[in-house]
Amino acid sequence: MGMSSVLNGSVAQESNNEVYRVPRSAAVVGSKIVVMGGHGRDGKTLSSAEMFDMETRTWTELPAMAERKHWHSATAFEGKVYVTGGVDNSDEPWNEVAVLDMETKQWSTAPKLRGREHCGRRDHVSGVAGGKLLIVGGTQGHLGGRHYLGTDTFDGHTFDRSMAGQTEYWIDTRSNTAR
């Protein structure tokens, strides 16, 4: 299996087993790619996680996340992988944050995404800038609904909305309203 399968496809191979996952998320930590969540071939949401070592070109199964997720985002930050938002089989957006410690390979939780409203979201992006984890945008609801135009920052201890400034808006595409 080539690297393009890891990044562009939805199948990860470990030994003779195939793990199909879409839409899943991945984060790069050093020479390792951590892939988690998504839907399996049966359409059910997964909590499983695997790690691909680019140096040895091998897959390792990791402990599963506590919650099943798809349409989530994952970013490496300070030696950990932060998995934000997403939805489960009910399509209700999560505001929980799962954290994989790359040294111990154990999952824990970080403070929930917060704001003036319930900030569960899907279809958002995350990254690192200025020494902070950023979680940007997203959607609440299935295939549309309310779109969030704000930014959460995380300094390793707490989430902050100070970067949201004047851009903290929810746009409801069903009723064409903004708040």
Foldseek 3Di string as FASTA:
>chain_A
DDVCCVVPNQWDDADNDIFGFPPWEWEDDPQKIKIAWGAGPVRFIFQWIWIARNVVRHIDTADGWPDGFGLWYWYDAPQKIKIAWGDGPVLAIFQWIWIQRNVVSDIDTADGDDDPDPPRFGNWYWYDDPQWIKIAWGAGGDPAAWIFGFIWIHNPHDIDRVRRPPRGWIAGPVVRDID
